[in-house]
Amino acid sequence: MRIDDYVGELERALTGPYGPKHDLLVEARDSLADTADALEAGGLDRAEAERLAVAGFGAVEEVAPGYQAELTAAAGRRLGMLLVAGIPVTVLMWSVVWRFYPTDRAALTGWPVALSRALDLAQLATSLYGGLVLFALGRGARWVRGPQAVTRSLGVLVWVMLPATGLMTLPLALDGRVGALPDFLPAMVAGLATAAFWGVQVFGATRCLRVTSPRRHRGRG
């Protein structure tokens, strides 16, 4: 098998963030090319040198699981970093909006206040778990048996929390005392930013679930 064919097969066997996946494939290609160059310098023709380099590198079925584990950890770290950085910013952004929006919301009592606080706590708890996952897949990797379960748990959490926070937000949006904010520009910007952030979370969580699919891992076993 030629190096290009092998790397192409390896690429099809892997799923994960584009950047880390690209780097792993380039690393594999460079390693194979270096080995083939050395064999060719020893007197073999190029085709035979590449065939021996590929054979010595290992079958795709043997190599792919190790590479996939790295991509799985990378997907979990990216989502964790997104939650750690993004959720506190979103909470702060809406706190500023409500602070300066001309309304009597500050005088509200009862369930809107309790629900608003519960919403903030739920989002911050998600951010905290994202930080724990980020640590577990980074410096704490020595204590983690494998990245699959950790990465998958974060993807599941995001898929559970986004609808939950959406449902918690709905009563606040419909309550006349809280009021809609269609004409308040900072609120419009905050709303668009929040929607975009949720979309990125969905993308990251979906990728985490895809790279940790049990069917996909059984297929490699």
Foldseek 3Di string as FASTA:
>chain_A
DALVVQLVVLLVLAAADPPLSVVVSVVSSVQLVVQLVVVVVVPDDSVVSSVVSVVVVDHSLVPNVVSLLVRLLVLLLVLLVLLLPPLVVLLVLVVVVLVPPPAPVVVDDDDVVVLNVVLSVLSVVLNVLSVVSNCCSPVVVVVPPTSLVSLLVNLVSLVVVVVVSVVSVVVLDPDPRNYHDPPPVSVVVSVVVVVVSNVVSNVSSVSSCVSNPPVSVVVSD
